[in-house]
Amino acid sequence: MEDKSRKIVFKYDSFLSKINLNYVHYNNSIIKSTNVPENTDLISGKYEGGIKIWECDEDLLEFLPSIYNDDWKNKNILDMGCGHGLPGIYLLLKGINEICFQDFNQEVLEHITSNYINQLKQNYGLEFDKKVNYVHGDWGDFKYNKKFNIIISGDTLYNNINYEKIYNLLKNYLDKDGEAYFASKRFYFGVGGGSSEFRQFIKDRGEFEISQVKQIKDGINNIRVIMKITWK
């Protein structure tokens, strides 16, 4: 897993070579400090997968350079369900104005996501304290003091029980001229969610436009897509 993740991440942007993924991904003491059983991807309502680097975060890393432009530097961005937060860190290193890393588990933010930020500070003198905020907890309880111009999210559509919460977060926190990008598998076997069901869920409510902007199909794994959401 370590070697695969490194190759995937580093081929998209040399900035991310500054991050030592191995520091947190295979450090047993840090994994144990999160109180998550080993080899567990998900415990609903307790642990929502933040220790693992998921495929759709890798898809976002590949996709974001194709849409990023200098206008984004003035944007306020949410990395929703961030886990390691690598797509958000990519944008942070590109010079964006402000980012919020949100994850269900406080331990993930403290021991993994923020550790990357600390590495950049200690090893390269990069200061992001005024640009970075961390929020942990359930999406239904999310609170923030401003709206977001851009929301990015990878592998967060795995359970349809969360769709109402995600929809309400978009409704309350996506700026009227904002854009949201969700990277998702078409189906999540065993947990009942996926991009097709979420897309229909959003369409049925009639307030947002949702469209597929990329499809990843390798003939081996589950088809993955990236969807764009804007206000009508």
Protein backbone atom coordinates (compact mmCIF):
# COMPACT_ATOMS: atom_id res chain seq x y z
CA MET A 1 0.00 0.00 0.00
CA GLU A 2 2.78 2.43 0.91
CA ASP A 3 4.68 2.18 -2.39
CA LYS A 4 1.47 2.34 -4.47
CA SER A 5 0.28 5.47 -2.67
CA ARG A 6 3.61 7.20 -3.06
CA LYS A 7 3.77 6.56 -6.82
CA ILE A 8 0.20 7.69 -7.38
CA VAL A 9 0.50 10.88 -5.36
CA PHE A 10 3.91 11.99 -6.49
CA LYS A 11 3.33 11.71 -10.22
CA TYR A 12 0.74 14.50 -10.09
CA ASP A 13 2.67 17.30 -8.42
CA SER A 14 6.22 17.60 -7.13
CA PHE A 15 4.98 19.66 -4.18
CA LEU A 16 3.59 16.53 -2.56
CA SER A 17 7.01 14.89 -2.52
CA LYS A 18 7.62 17.07 0.52
CA ILE A 19 5.27 14.85 2.54
CA ASN A 20 6.49 11.65 4.16
CA LEU A 21 3.40 9.44 3.89
CA ASN A 22 5.18 6.62 5.67
CA TYR A 23 5.43 8.71 8.84
CA VAL A 24 1.78 8.26 9.68
CA HIS A 25 0.57 5.50 7.42
CA TYR A 26 2.69 2.74 8.89
CA ASN A 27 3.66 4.10 12.30
CA ASN A 28 2.05 1.60 14.68
CA SER A 29 2.05 3.93 17.65
CA ILE A 30 0.01 6.50 15.75
CA ILE A 31 -2.41 3.92 14.40
CA LYS A 32 -2.94 2.60 17.93
CA SER A 33 -3.48 6.10 19.28
CA THR A 34 -6.59 6.41 17.11
CA ASN A 35 -8.20 3.47 18.95
CA VAL A 36 -9.13 1.88 15.62
CA PRO A 37 -8.76 -1.90 15.24
CA GLU A 38 -6.16 -2.91 12.66
CA ASN A 39 -7.45 -3.97 9.22
CA THR A 40 -10.76 -2.16 9.82
CA ASP A 41 -12.01 0.19 7.08
CA LEU A 42 -15.22 1.32 8.74
CA ILE A 43 -17.09 1.21 12.03
CA SER A 44 -20.28 3.19 11.45
CA GLY A 45 -20.68 6.05 13.90
CA LYS A 46 -17.23 5.46 15.44
CA TYR A 47 -14.59 5.35 12.74
CA GLU A 48 -15.20 6.43 9.14
CA GLY A 49 -12.07 5.28 7.32
CA GLY A 50 -9.71 8.22 7.76
CA ILE A 51 -6.54 6.21 8.34
CA LYS A 52 -6.61 4.67 4.88
CA ILE A 53 -5.70 6.49 1.66
CA TRP A 54 -8.72 5.80 -0.54
CA GLU A 55 -8.78 5.46 -4.32
CA CYS A 56 -11.05 8.44 -4.88
CA ASP A 57 -8.66 10.77 -3.06
CA GLU A 58 -6.07 9.63 -5.56
CA ASP A 59 -8.56 10.39 -8.33
CA LEU A 60 -9.04 13.90 -6.96
CA LEU A 61 -5.28 14.42 -6.90
CA GLU A 62 -5.14 13.54 -10.58
CA PHE A 63 -8.19 15.64 -11.45
CA LEU A 64 -7.58 18.88 -9.52
CA PRO A 65 -4.63 20.12 -11.62
CA SER A 66 -6.91 20.06 -14.68
CA ILE A 67 -9.35 22.57 -13.16
CA TYR A 68 -7.14 24.58 -10.83
CA ASN A 69 -6.39 28.16 -11.81
CA ASP A 70 -5.07 31.27 -10.06
CA ASP A 71 -8.59 32.41 -9.19
CA TRP A 72 -8.67 29.58 -6.64
CA LYS A 73 -6.03 31.37 -4.56
CA ASN A 74 -8.77 33.64 -3.21
CA LYS A 75 -11.17 30.80 -2.50
CA ASN A 76 -12.27 29.34 0.83
CA ILE A 77 -12.18 25.55 0.50
CA LEU A 78 -13.61 22.61 2.44
CA ASP A 79 -12.00 19.16 2.20
CA MET A 80 -15.00 17.18 3.45
CA GLY A 81 -14.34 13.78 5.00
CA CYS A 82 -10.68 14.51 4.36
CA GLY A 83 -8.85 11.64 6.07
CA HIS A 84 -5.21 12.21 5.09
CA GLY A 85 -6.33 15.41 3.34
CA LEU A 86 -3.94 15.05 0.41
CA PRO A 87 -6.17 16.80 -2.18
CA GLY A 88 -6.63 19.70 0.23
CA ILE A 89 -2.89 19.86 0.91
CA TYR A 90 -2.27 19.95 -2.83
CA LEU A 91 -4.47 23.05 -3.06
CA LEU A 92 -2.89 24.56 0.04
CA LEU A 93 0.54 24.23 -1.51
CA LYS A 94 -0.80 25.87 -4.66
CA GLY A 95 -1.47 29.00 -2.61
CA ILE A 96 -5.19 28.99 -1.76
CA ASN A 97 -6.39 31.51 0.79
CA GLU A 98 -8.05 29.24 3.36
CA ILE A 99 -8.99 25.59 3.86
CA CYS A 100 -10.98 23.61 6.38
CA PHE A 101 -10.07 19.95 6.82
CA GLN A 102 -13.11 18.06 8.09
CA ASP A 103 -13.14 14.46 9.26
CA PHE A 104 -15.42 12.39 11.48
CA ASN A 105 -12.55 11.39 13.76
CA GLN A 106 -10.60 13.97 15.75
CA GLU A 107 -7.74 11.48 16.08
CA VAL A 108 -7.30 11.36 12.31
CA LEU A 109 -7.02 15.14 12.10
CA GLU A 110 -4.63 15.33 15.03
CA HIS A 111 -2.33 12.42 14.17
CA ILE A 112 -2.45 12.31 10.38
CA THR A 113 -3.78 15.39 8.58
CA SER A 114 -2.21 18.03 10.80
CA ASN A 115 1.01 16.03 10.93
CA TYR A 116 1.50 16.64 7.22
CA ILE A 117 1.07 20.36 7.82
CA ASN A 118 3.62 20.20 10.63
CA GLN A 119 6.06 18.35 8.38
CA LEU A 120 5.85 21.14 5.81
CA LYS A 121 6.51 23.71 8.53
CA GLN A 122 9.40 21.88 10.19
CA ASN A 123 11.14 20.61 7.06
CA TYR A 124 10.51 23.46 4.61
CA GLY A 125 9.59 26.48 6.72
CA LEU A 126 6.12 26.68 5.17
CA GLU A 127 3.66 28.49 7.46
CA PHE A 128 -0.01 27.65 7.06
CA ASP A 129 -1.39 28.31 10.55
CA LYS A 130 -3.54 31.24 9.46
CA LYS A 131 -4.90 29.36 6.45
CA VAL A 132 -5.83 26.01 7.98
CA ASN A 133 -8.75 25.00 10.19
CA TYR A 134 -9.78 21.56 11.43
CA VAL A 135 -13.30 20.42 12.24
CA HIS A 136 -14.19 16.93 13.44
CA GLY A 137 -17.53 15.24 13.86
CA ASP A 138 -20.60 14.05 12.03
CA TRP A 139 -21.66 15.92 8.88
CA GLY A 140 -25.07 16.50 10.45
CA ASP A 141 -23.40 18.50 13.22
CA PHE A 142 -21.04 20.51 11.02
CA LYS A 143 -20.69 24.17 11.98
CA TYR A 144 -18.48 26.82 10.41
CA ASN A 145 -18.34 30.60 10.43
CA LYS A 146 -18.49 31.14 6.67
CA LYS A 147 -19.47 29.51 3.40
CA PHE A 148 -17.14 27.76 0.98
CA ASN A 149 -16.36 28.63 -2.61
CA ILE A 150 -15.09 25.11 -3.29
CA ILE A 151 -15.95 21.81 -1.59
CA ILE A 152 -13.97 18.67 -2.43
CA SER A 153 -14.69 15.18 -1.17
CA GLY A 154 -13.45 11.68 -1.96
CA ASP A 155 -15.07 8.34 -1.12
CA THR A 156 -17.72 9.87 1.15
CA LEU A 157 -20.82 8.56 -0.66
CA TYR A 158 -20.46 4.97 0.54
CA ASN A 159 -23.57 4.97 2.74
CA ASN A 160 -26.92 6.40 1.61
CA ILE A 161 -27.90 7.05 5.21
CA ASN A 162 -25.57 10.06 5.05
CA TYR A 163 -27.01 11.65 1.92
CA GLU A 164 -29.43 13.95 3.72
CA LYS A 165 -26.59 15.21 5.93
CA ILE A 166 -24.35 15.83 2.94
CA TYR A 167 -27.16 17.57 1.08
CA ASN A 168 -27.84 19.86 4.05
CA LEU A 169 -24.14 20.65 4.38
CA LEU A 170 -24.07 21.68 0.73
CA LYS A 171 -27.24 23.70 1.13
CA ASN A 172 -25.92 25.54 4.19
CA TYR A 173 -22.26 25.99 3.30
CA LEU A 174 -21.75 26.03 -0.48
CA ASP A 175 -21.58 29.62 -1.70
CA LYS A 176 -24.17 30.56 -4.30
CA ASP A 177 -21.43 30.82 -6.92
CA GLY A 178 -19.53 27.86 -5.50
CA GLU A 179 -18.62 24.45 -6.86
CA ALA A 180 -18.43 21.04 -5.19
CA TYR A 181 -16.52 18.05 -6.54
CA PHE A 182 -17.31 14.56 -5.27
CA ALA A 183 -15.12 11.61 -6.27
CA SER A 184 -16.93 8.34 -5.74
CA LYS A 185 -17.22 4.72 -6.74
CA ARG A 186 -20.32 3.98 -8.77
CA PHE A 187 -21.36 1.37 -6.20
CA TYR A 188 -20.17 0.59 -2.69
CA PHE A 189 -20.96 -3.05 -2.19
CA GLY A 190 -22.22 -3.99 1.24
CA VAL A 191 -22.99 -0.49 2.52
CA GLY A 192 -25.62 0.66 0.04
CA GLY A 193 -24.29 3.87 -1.48
CA GLY A 194 -22.61 5.09 -4.63
CA SER A 195 -22.41 7.86 -7.19
CA SER A 196 -25.51 6.79 -9.15
CA GLU A 197 -27.77 6.81 -6.13
CA PHE A 198 -26.36 10.09 -4.81
CA ARG A 199 -26.74 11.78 -8.17
CA GLN A 200 -30.42 10.83 -8.26
CA PHE A 201 -30.83 11.96 -4.66
CA ILE A 202 -29.51 15.43 -5.53
CA LYS A 203 -31.58 15.66 -8.72
CA ASP A 204 -34.78 14.75 -6.88
CA ARG A 205 -34.40 17.71 -4.54
CA GLY A 206 -34.21 20.15 -7.42
CA GLU A 207 -31.90 22.80 -5.96
CA PHE A 208 -28.54 21.77 -7.42
CA GLU A 209 -27.15 20.87 -10.80
CA ILE A 210 -25.05 17.70 -10.72
CA SER A 211 -23.02 16.31 -13.60
CA GLN A 212 -20.28 13.77 -14.18
CA VAL A 213 -17.02 15.42 -15.19
CA LYS A 214 -14.74 12.40 -15.21
CA GLN A 215 -14.96 8.60 -15.30
CA ILE A 216 -12.20 6.25 -14.21
CA LYS A 217 -12.57 2.79 -15.69
CA ASP A 218 -9.62 0.41 -15.62
CA GLY A 219 -11.47 -2.82 -16.38
CA ILE A 220 -10.46 -4.33 -13.06
CA ASN A 221 -11.88 -2.23 -10.25
CA ASN A 222 -15.29 -0.71 -9.62
CA ILE A 223 -15.99 2.21 -11.97
CA ARG A 224 -15.22 5.53 -10.28
CA VAL A 225 -16.46 9.00 -11.22
CA ILE A 226 -16.02 12.64 -10.29
CA MET A 227 -19.17 14.74 -10.12
CA LYS A 228 -19.56 18.51 -10.07
CA ILE A 229 -22.34 20.18 -8.07
CA THR A 230 -23.47 23.80 -8.39
CA TRP A 231 -26.56 25.75 -7.43
CA LYS A 232 -29.25 26.05 -10.10
